[in-house]
Amino acid sequence: MNKNITRFGYFLFLNGIILFGIMHLAISLYIPNLSGWSVPPGKLAIVLGEIISWVPYTLSIILLITGSLIIVRELYQISQRERNSSKK
């Protein structure tokens, strides 16, 4: 069971990285076509609004955070089990 949860965490983290990279590639390809931007939101926010990509960009960050939290939690539980088994 724990291996499946850990694999799921790695799966989420990897998909988050891939989606985040694709989004940054799309942003960097669109920036030369940007006609103008204002200082408070900046180039990133303007491009995300123009190419309607707030949802995938936010989803990639959520996937990264969720996957890393699952991985860290599972690794912490493994280390706790090893400590408890070594004390016995």
PDB file of N, CA and C in Angstrom:
ATOM      1  N   MET A   1       0.827  -1.197   0.000  1.00  0.00           N
ATOM      2  CA  MET A   1       0.000   0.000   0.000  1.00  0.00           C
ATOM      3  C   MET A   1       0.865   1.253   0.000  1.00  0.00           C
ATOM      4  N   ASN A   2       1.905   1.268   0.820  1.00  0.00           N
ATOM      5  CA  ASN A   2       2.750   2.454   0.889  1.00  0.00           C
ATOM      6  C   ASN A   2       3.511   2.686  -0.407  1.00  0.00           C
ATOM      7  N   LYS A   3       3.891   1.592  -1.087  1.00  0.00           N
ATOM      8  CA  LYS A   3       4.588   1.762  -2.360  1.00  0.00           C
ATOM      9  C   LYS A   3       3.666   2.417  -3.389  1.00  0.00           C
ATOM     10  N   ASN A   4       2.395   2.032  -3.357  1.00  0.00           N
ATOM     11  CA  ASN A   4       1.440   2.628  -4.301  1.00  0.00           C
ATOM     12  C   ASN A   4       1.244   4.113  -4.026  1.00  0.00           C
ATOM     13  N   ILE A   5       1.176   4.481  -2.763  1.00  0.00           N
ATOM     14  CA  ILE A   5       1.012   5.895  -2.414  1.00  0.00           C
ATOM     15  C   ILE A   5       2.257   6.681  -2.805  1.00  0.00           C
ATOM     16  N   THR A   6       3.428   6.097  -2.559  1.00  0.00           N
ATOM     17  CA  THR A   6       4.674   6.771  -2.930  1.00  0.00           C
ATOM     18  C   THR A   6       4.768   6.925  -4.444  1.00  0.00           C
ATOM     19  N   ARG A   7       4.411   5.890  -5.168  1.00  0.00           N
ATOM     20  CA  ARG A   7       4.418   5.975  -6.635  1.00  0.00           C
ATOM     21  C   ARG A   7       3.429   7.028  -7.129  1.00  0.00           C
ATOM     22  N   PHE A   8       2.278   7.101  -6.486  1.00  0.00           N
ATOM     23  CA  PHE A   8       1.295   8.118  -6.846  1.00  0.00           C
ATOM     24  C   PHE A   8       1.865   9.519  -6.599  1.00  0.00           C
ATOM     25  N   GLY A   9       2.588   9.691  -5.495  1.00  0.00           N
ATOM     26  CA  GLY A   9       3.235  10.973  -5.211  1.00  0.00           C
ATOM     27  C   GLY A   9       4.260  11.329  -6.273  1.00  0.00           C
ATOM     28  N   TYR A  10       5.082  10.343  -6.664  1.00  0.00           N
ATOM     29  CA  TYR A  10       6.058  10.583  -7.731  1.00  0.00           C
ATOM     30  C   TYR A  10       5.358  10.896  -9.056  1.00  0.00           C
ATOM     31  N   PHE A  11       4.254  10.199  -9.318  1.00  0.00           N
ATOM     32  CA  PHE A  11       3.485  10.438 -10.538  1.00  0.00           C
ATOM     33  C   PHE A  11       2.946  11.867 -10.579  1.00  0.00           C
ATOM     34  N   LEU A  12       2.358  12.316  -9.473  1.00  0.00           N
ATOM     35  CA  LEU A  12       1.844  13.686  -9.407  1.00  0.00           C
ATOM     36  C   LEU A  12       2.967  14.704  -9.563  1.00  0.00           C
ATOM     37  N   PHE A  13       4.077  14.464  -8.876  1.00  0.00           N
ATOM     38  CA  PHE A  13       5.205  15.392  -8.929  1.00  0.00           C
ATOM     39  C   PHE A  13       5.768  15.478 -10.346  1.00  0.00           C
ATOM     40  N   LEU A  14       5.950  14.331 -10.996  1.00  0.00           N
ATOM     41  CA  LEU A  14       6.486  14.318 -12.355  1.00  0.00           C
ATOM     42  C   LEU A  14       5.535  15.004 -13.334  1.00  0.00           C
ATOM     43  N   ASN A  15       4.241  14.729 -13.210  1.00  0.00           N
ATOM     44  CA  ASN A  15       3.275  15.394 -14.091  1.00  0.00           C
ATOM     45  C   ASN A  15       3.226  16.895 -13.841  1.00  0.00           C
ATOM     46  N   GLY A  16       3.383  17.300 -12.590  1.00  0.00           N
ATOM     47  CA  GLY A  16       3.440  18.724 -12.279  1.00  0.00           C
ATOM     48  C   GLY A  16       4.639  19.393 -12.925  1.00  0.00           C
ATOM     49  N   ILE A  17       5.793  18.711 -12.874  1.00  0.00           N
ATOM     50  CA  ILE A  17       7.001  19.258 -13.502  1.00  0.00           C
ATOM     51  C   ILE A  17       6.815  19.382 -15.010  1.00  0.00           C
ATOM     52  N   ILE A  18       6.263  18.351 -15.624  1.00  0.00           N
ATOM     53  CA  ILE A  18       6.064  18.372 -17.080  1.00  0.00           C
ATOM     54  C   ILE A  18       5.091  19.481 -17.476  1.00  0.00           C
ATOM     55  N   LEU A  19       3.978  19.578 -16.780  1.00  0.00           N
ATOM     56  CA  LEU A  19       2.995  20.619 -17.093  1.00  0.00           C
ATOM     57  C   LEU A  19       3.560  22.012 -16.844  1.00  0.00           C
ATOM     58  N   PHE A  20       4.315  22.168 -15.761  1.00  0.00           N
ATOM     59  CA  PHE A  20       4.941  23.456 -15.451  1.00  0.00           C
ATOM     60  C   PHE A  20       5.930  23.844 -16.549  1.00  0.00           C
ATOM     61  N   GLY A  21       6.712  22.877 -17.014  1.00  0.00           N
ATOM     62  CA  GLY A  21       7.665  23.141 -18.094  1.00  0.00           C
ATOM     63  C   GLY A  21       6.982  23.502 -19.396  1.00  0.00           C
ATOM     64  N   ILE A  22       5.916  22.794 -19.719  1.00  0.00           N
ATOM     65  CA  ILE A  22       5.173  23.092 -20.947  1.00  0.00           C
ATOM     66  C   ILE A  22       4.555  24.483 -20.875  1.00  0.00           C
ATOM     67  N   MET A  23       4.038  24.836 -19.710  1.00  0.00           N
ATOM     68  CA  MET A  23       3.446  26.167 -19.556  1.00  0.00           C
ATOM     69  C   MET A  23       4.504  27.255 -19.715  1.00  0.00           C
ATOM     70  N   HIS A  24       5.682  27.046 -19.144  1.00  0.00           N
ATOM     71  CA  HIS A  24       6.732  28.050 -19.299  1.00  0.00           C
ATOM     72  C   HIS A  24       7.230  28.118 -20.739  1.00  0.00           C
ATOM     73  N   LEU A  25       7.221  26.995 -21.433  1.00  0.00           N
ATOM     74  CA  LEU A  25       7.568  27.009 -22.851  1.00  0.00           C
ATOM     75  C   LEU A  25       6.537  27.818 -23.640  1.00  0.00           C
ATOM     76  N   ALA A  26       5.262  27.608 -23.353  1.00  0.00           N
ATOM     77  CA  ALA A  26       4.208  28.373 -24.036  1.00  0.00           C
ATOM     78  C   ALA A  26       4.323  29.863 -23.725  1.00  0.00           C
ATOM     79  N   ILE A  27       4.636  30.179 -22.480  1.00  0.00           N
ATOM     80  CA  ILE A  27       4.792  31.589 -22.092  1.00  0.00           C
ATOM     81  C   ILE A  27       5.965  32.217 -22.828  1.00  0.00           C
ATOM     82  N   SER A  28       7.085  31.496 -22.869  1.00  0.00           N
ATOM     83  CA  SER A  28       8.268  32.065 -23.524  1.00  0.00           C
ATOM     84  C   SER A  28       8.076  32.193 -25.032  1.00  0.00           C
ATOM     85  N   LEU A  29       7.273  31.333 -25.625  1.00  0.00           N
ATOM     86  CA  LEU A  29       6.994  31.460 -27.055  1.00  0.00           C
ATOM     87  C   LEU A  29       6.049  32.618 -27.354  1.00  0.00           C
ATOM     88  N   TYR A  30       5.208  32.983 -26.407  1.00  0.00           N
ATOM     89  CA  TYR A  30       4.236  34.053 -26.639  1.00  0.00           C
ATOM     90  C   TYR A  30       4.792  35.437 -26.309  1.00  0.00           C
ATOM     91  N   ILE A  31       5.780  35.516 -25.439  1.00  0.00           N
ATOM     92  CA  ILE A  31       6.292  36.824 -24.998  1.00  0.00           C
ATOM     93  C   ILE A  31       6.775  37.705 -26.157  1.00  0.00           C
ATOM     94  N   PRO A  32       7.450  37.179 -27.203  1.00  0.00           N
ATOM     95  CA  PRO A  32       7.832  38.079 -28.305  1.00  0.00           C
ATOM     96  C   PRO A  32       6.640  38.721 -29.015  1.00  0.00           C
ATOM     97  N   ASN A  33       5.474  38.099 -28.970  1.00  0.00           N
ATOM     98  CA  ASN A  33       4.274  38.649 -29.609  1.00  0.00           C
ATOM     99  C   ASN A  33       3.498  39.583 -28.696  1.00  0.00           C
ATOM    100  N   LEU A  34       3.974  39.789 -27.492  1.00  0.00           N
ATOM    101  CA  LEU A  34       3.286  40.629 -26.519  1.00  0.00           C
ATOM    102  C   LEU A  34       3.399  42.085 -26.950  1.00  0.00           C
ATOM    103  N   SER A  35       2.257  42.737 -27.067  1.00  0.00           N
ATOM    104  CA  SER A  35       2.264  44.122 -27.550  1.00  0.00           C
ATOM    105  C   SER A  35       2.667  45.101 -26.463  1.00  0.00           C
ATOM    106  N   GLY A  36       2.321  44.824 -25.235  1.00  0.00           N
ATOM    107  CA  GLY A  36       2.681  45.711 -24.133  1.00  0.00           C
ATOM    108  C   GLY A  36       2.230  45.114 -22.819  1.00  0.00           C
ATOM    109  N   TRP A  37       2.777  45.647 -21.741  1.00  0.00           N
ATOM    110  CA  TRP A  37       2.386  45.162 -20.428  1.00  0.00           C
ATOM    111  C   TRP A  37       2.488  46.299 -19.439  1.00  0.00           C
ATOM    112  N   SER A  38       1.821  46.137 -18.339  1.00  0.00           N
ATOM    113  CA  SER A  38       1.905  47.146 -17.286  1.00  0.00           C
ATOM    114  C   SER A  38       2.732  46.581 -16.144  1.00  0.00           C
ATOM    115  N   VAL A  39       3.274  47.458 -15.351  1.00  0.00           N
ATOM    116  CA  VAL A  39       4.226  47.052 -14.315  1.00  0.00           C
ATOM    117  C   VAL A  39       3.595  46.243 -13.182  1.00  0.00           C
ATOM    118  N   PRO A  40       2.446  46.612 -12.612  1.00  0.00           N
ATOM    119  CA  PRO A  40       1.969  45.832 -11.461  1.00  0.00           C
ATOM    120  C   PRO A  40       1.761  44.342 -11.725  1.00  0.00           C
ATOM    121  N   PRO A  41       1.031  43.918 -12.780  1.00  0.00           N
ATOM    122  CA  PRO A  41       0.941  42.465 -12.928  1.00  0.00           C
ATOM    123  C   PRO A  41       2.193  41.850 -13.555  1.00  0.00           C
ATOM    124  N   GLY A  42       2.854  42.552 -14.438  1.00  0.00           N
ATOM    125  CA  GLY A  42       4.067  42.036 -15.068  1.00  0.00           C
ATOM    126  C   GLY A  42       3.784  41.180 -16.292  1.00  0.00           C
ATOM    127  N   LYS A  43       4.872  40.766 -16.941  1.00  0.00           N
ATOM    128  CA  LYS A  43       4.752  40.003 -18.182  1.00  0.00           C
ATOM    129  C   LYS A  43       4.085  38.648 -17.972  1.00  0.00           C
ATOM    130  N   LEU A  44       4.468  37.945 -16.907  1.00  0.00           N
ATOM    131  CA  LEU A  44       3.933  36.602 -16.685  1.00  0.00           C
ATOM    132  C   LEU A  44       2.415  36.619 -16.538  1.00  0.00           C
ATOM    133  N   ALA A  45       1.901  37.505 -15.723  1.00  0.00           N
ATOM    134  CA  ALA A  45       0.454  37.568 -15.507  1.00  0.00           C
ATOM    135  C   ALA A  45      -0.278  37.999 -16.777  1.00  0.00           C
ATOM    136  N   ILE A  46       0.302  38.920 -17.521  1.00  0.00           N
ATOM    137  CA  ILE A  46      -0.332  39.371 -18.767  1.00  0.00           C
ATOM    138  C   ILE A  46      -0.398  38.223 -19.771  1.00  0.00           C
ATOM    139  N   VAL A  47       0.706  37.490 -19.928  1.00  0.00           N
ATOM    140  CA  VAL A  47       0.721  36.379 -20.885  1.00  0.00           C
ATOM    141  C   VAL A  47      -0.231  35.274 -20.443  1.00  0.00           C
ATOM    142  N   LEU A  48      -0.244  34.960 -19.158  1.00  0.00           N
ATOM    143  CA  LEU A  48      -1.164  33.927 -18.669  1.00  0.00           C
ATOM    144  C   LEU A  48      -2.614  34.315 -18.934  1.00  0.00           C
ATOM    145  N   GLY A  49      -2.920  35.582 -18.829  1.00  0.00           N
ATOM    146  CA  GLY A  49      -4.272  36.042 -19.120  1.00  0.00           C
ATOM    147  C   GLY A  49      -4.590  36.022 -20.600  1.00  0.00           C
ATOM    148  N   GLU A  50      -3.616  36.378 -21.430  1.00  0.00           N
ATOM    149  CA  GLU A  50      -3.874  36.453 -22.871  1.00  0.00           C
ATOM    150  C   GLU A  50      -3.990  35.082 -23.521  1.00  0.00           C
ATOM    151  N   ILE A  51      -3.209  34.121 -23.070  1.00  0.00           N
ATOM    152  CA  ILE A  51      -3.297  32.789 -23.679  1.00  0.00           C
ATOM    153  C   ILE A  51      -4.211  31.860 -22.871  1.00  0.00           C
ATOM    154  N   ILE A  52      -4.926  32.430 -21.920  1.00  0.00           N
ATOM    155  CA  ILE A  52      -5.919  31.724 -21.100  1.00  0.00           C
ATOM    156  C   ILE A  52      -5.308  30.450 -20.511  1.00  0.00           C
ATOM    157  N   SER A  53      -4.275  30.635 -19.731  1.00  0.00           N
ATOM    158  CA  SER A  53      -3.578  29.468 -19.191  1.00  0.00           C
ATOM    159  C   SER A  53      -3.420  29.515 -17.679  1.00  0.00           C
ATOM    160  N   TRP A  54      -4.288  30.253 -17.000  1.00  0.00           N
ATOM    161  CA  TRP A  54      -4.207  30.284 -15.539  1.00  0.00           C
ATOM    162  C   TRP A  54      -4.515  28.923 -14.933  1.00  0.00           C
ATOM    163  N   VAL A  55      -5.482  28.214 -15.488  1.00  0.00           N
ATOM    164  CA  VAL A  55      -5.882  26.918 -14.918  1.00  0.00           C
ATOM    165  C   VAL A  55      -4.756  25.884 -15.022  1.00  0.00           C
ATOM    166  N   PRO A  56      -4.154  25.662 -16.202  1.00  0.00           N
ATOM    167  CA  PRO A  56      -3.075  24.678 -16.239  1.00  0.00           C
ATOM    168  C   PRO A  56      -1.849  25.101 -15.425  1.00  0.00           C
ATOM    169  N   TYR A  57      -1.572  26.401 -15.383  1.00  0.00           N
ATOM    170  CA  TYR A  57      -0.424  26.873 -14.614  1.00  0.00           C
ATOM    171  C   TYR A  57      -0.650  26.630 -13.126  1.00  0.00           C
ATOM    172  N   THR A  58      -1.843  26.951 -12.645  1.00  0.00           N
ATOM    173  CA  THR A  58      -2.177  26.718 -11.237  1.00  0.00           C
ATOM    174  C   THR A  58      -2.234  25.222 -10.941  1.00  0.00           C
ATOM    175  N   LEU A  59      -2.778  24.443 -11.869  1.00  0.00           N
ATOM    176  CA  LEU A  59      -2.843  22.997 -11.689  1.00  0.00           C
ATOM    177  C   LEU A  59      -1.448  22.388 -11.588  1.00  0.00           C
ATOM    178  N   SER A  60      -0.508  22.878 -12.377  1.00  0.00           N
ATOM    179  CA  SER A  60       0.858  22.345 -12.304  1.00  0.00           C
ATOM    180  C   SER A  60       1.474  22.612 -10.937  1.00  0.00           C
ATOM    181  N   ILE A  61       1.226  23.780 -10.388  1.00  0.00           N
ATOM    182  CA  ILE A  61       1.755  24.098  -9.058  1.00  0.00           C
ATOM    183  C   ILE A  61       1.081  23.232  -7.999  1.00  0.00           C
ATOM    184  N   ILE A  62      -0.224  23.021  -8.129  1.00  0.00           N
ATOM    185  CA  ILE A  62      -0.941  22.160  -7.176  1.00  0.00           C
ATOM    186  C   ILE A  62      -0.421  20.728  -7.256  1.00  0.00           C
ATOM    187  N   LEU A  63      -0.184  20.227  -8.469  1.00  0.00           N
ATOM    188  CA  LEU A  63       0.358  18.877  -8.623  1.00  0.00           C
ATOM    189  C   LEU A  63       1.740  18.757  -7.994  1.00  0.00           C
ATOM    190  N   LEU A  64       2.579  19.766  -8.214  1.00  0.00           N
ATOM    191  CA  LEU A  64       3.921  19.754  -7.619  1.00  0.00           C
ATOM    192  C   LEU A  64       3.851  19.716  -6.097  1.00  0.00           C
ATOM    193  N   ILE A  65       3.030  20.566  -5.526  1.00  0.00           N
ATOM    194  CA  ILE A  65       2.932  20.641  -4.063  1.00  0.00           C
ATOM    195  C   ILE A  65       2.328  19.361  -3.492  1.00  0.00           C
ATOM    196  N   THR A  66       1.256  18.872  -4.100  1.00  0.00           N
ATOM    197  CA  THR A  66       0.608  17.658  -3.601  1.00  0.00           C
ATOM    198  C   THR A  66       1.539  16.454  -3.697  1.00  0.00           C
ATOM    199  N   GLY A  67       2.190  16.300  -4.829  1.00  0.00           N
ATOM    200  CA  GLY A  67       3.121  15.187  -4.994  1.00  0.00           C
ATOM    201  C   GLY A  67       4.277  15.246  -4.026  1.00  0.00           C
ATOM    202  N   SER A  68       4.835  16.432  -3.827  1.00  0.00           N
ATOM    203  CA  SER A  68       5.962  16.546  -2.893  1.00  0.00           C
ATOM    204  C   SER A  68       5.517  16.303  -1.459  1.00  0.00           C
ATOM    205  N   LEU A  69       4.314  16.736  -1.084  1.00  0.00           N
ATOM    206  CA  LEU A  69       3.815  16.469   0.268  1.00  0.00           C
ATOM    207  C   LEU A  69       3.598  14.976   0.501  1.00  0.00           C
ATOM    208  N   ILE A  70       3.068  14.286  -0.494  1.00  0.00           N
ATOM    209  CA  ILE A  70       2.874  12.838  -0.369  1.00  0.00           C
ATOM    210  C   ILE A  70       4.219  12.136  -0.228  1.00  0.00           C
ATOM    211  N   ILE A  71       5.188  12.521  -1.040  1.00  0.00           N
ATOM    212  CA  ILE A  71       6.510  11.897  -0.986  1.00  0.00           C
ATOM    213  C   ILE A  71       7.174  12.155   0.356  1.00  0.00           C
ATOM    214  N   VAL A  72       7.133  13.387   0.826  1.00  0.00           N
ATOM    215  CA  VAL A  72       7.765  13.724   2.107  1.00  0.00           C
ATOM    216  C   VAL A  72       7.087  12.978   3.249  1.00  0.00           C
ATOM    217  N   ARG A  73       5.766  12.913   3.223  1.00  0.00           N
ATOM    218  CA  ARG A  73       5.047  12.197   4.286  1.00  0.00           C
ATOM    219  C   ARG A  73       5.402  10.714   4.304  1.00  0.00           C
ATOM    220  N   GLU A  74       5.448  10.095   3.136  1.00  0.00           N
ATOM    221  CA  GLU A  74       5.791   8.673   3.071  1.00  0.00           C
ATOM    222  C   GLU A  74       7.230   8.428   3.504  1.00  0.00           C
ATOM    223  N   LEU A  75       8.149   9.285   3.092  1.00  0.00           N
ATOM    224  CA  LEU A  75       9.541   9.124   3.517  1.00  0.00           C
ATOM    225  C   LEU A  75       9.686   9.325   5.016  1.00  0.00           C
ATOM    226  N   TYR A  76       8.919  10.239   5.581  1.00  0.00           N
ATOM    227  CA  TYR A  76       8.939  10.451   7.029  1.00  0.00           C
ATOM    228  C   TYR A  76       8.407   9.223   7.755  1.00  0.00           C
ATOM    229  N   GLN A  77       7.332   8.641   7.251  1.00  0.00           N
ATOM    230  CA  GLN A  77       6.782   7.442   7.882  1.00  0.00           C
ATOM    231  C   GLN A  77       7.752   6.272   7.792  1.00  0.00           C
ATOM    232  N   ILE A  78       8.452   6.148   6.688  1.00  0.00           N
ATOM    233  CA  ILE A  78       9.452   5.086   6.546  1.00  0.00           C
ATOM    234  C   ILE A  78      10.580   5.284   7.541  1.00  0.00           C
ATOM    235  N   SER A  79      11.044   6.520   7.684  1.00  0.00           N
ATOM    236  CA  SER A  79      12.134   6.774   8.636  1.00  0.00           C
ATOM    237  C   SER A  79      11.681   6.530  10.073  1.00  0.00           C
ATOM    238  N   GLN A  80      10.428   6.839  10.386  1.00  0.00           N
ATOM    239  CA  GLN A  80       9.912   6.571  11.731  1.00  0.00           C
ATOM    240  C   GLN A  80       9.823   5.071  11.994  1.00  0.00           C
ATOM    241  N   ARG A  81       9.394   4.306  11.006  1.00  0.00           N
ATOM    242  CA  ARG A  81       9.333   2.851  11.163  1.00  0.00           C
ATOM    243  C   ARG A  81      10.722   2.262  11.364  1.00  0.00           C
ATOM    244  N   GLU A  82      11.710   2.785  10.622  1.00  0.00           N
ATOM    245  CA  GLU A  82      13.079   2.287  10.778  1.00  0.00           C
ATOM    246  C   GLU A  82      13.632   2.632  12.152  1.00  0.00           C
ATOM    247  N   ARG A  83      13.332   3.809  12.663  1.00  0.00           N
ATOM    248  CA  ARG A  83      13.781   4.184  14.006  1.00  0.00           C
ATOM    249  C   ARG A  83      13.140   3.299  15.062  1.00  0.00           C
ATOM    250  N   ASN A  84      11.843   3.040  14.910  1.00  0.00           N
ATOM    251  CA  ASN A  84      11.143   2.200  15.883  1.00  0.00           C
ATOM    252  C   ASN A  84      11.628   0.757  15.837  1.00  0.00           C
ATOM    253  N   SER A  85      11.934   0.258  14.647  1.00  0.00           N
ATOM    254  CA  SER A  85      12.408  -1.120  14.540  1.00  0.00           C
ATOM    255  C   SER A  85      13.842  -1.258  15.045  1.00  0.00           C
ATOM    256  N   SER A  86      14.646  -0.209  14.928  1.00  0.00           N
ATOM    257  CA  SER A  86      16.029  -0.282  15.423  1.00  0.00           C
ATOM    258  C   SER A  86      16.087  -0.158  16.944  1.00  0.00           C
ATOM    259  N   LYS A  87      15.096   0.459  17.559  1.00  0.00           N
ATOM    260  CA  LYS A  87      15.067   0.591  19.019  1.00  0.00           C
ATOM    261  C   LYS A  87      14.678  -0.717  19.697  1.00  0.00           C
ATOM    262  N   LYS A  88      13.974  -1.590  19.000  1.00  0.00           N
ATOM    263  CA  LYS A  88      13.509  -2.844  19.614  1.00  0.00           C
ATOM    264  C   LYS A  88      14.584  -3.861  19.707  1.00  0.00           C
TER     265      LYS A  88
END
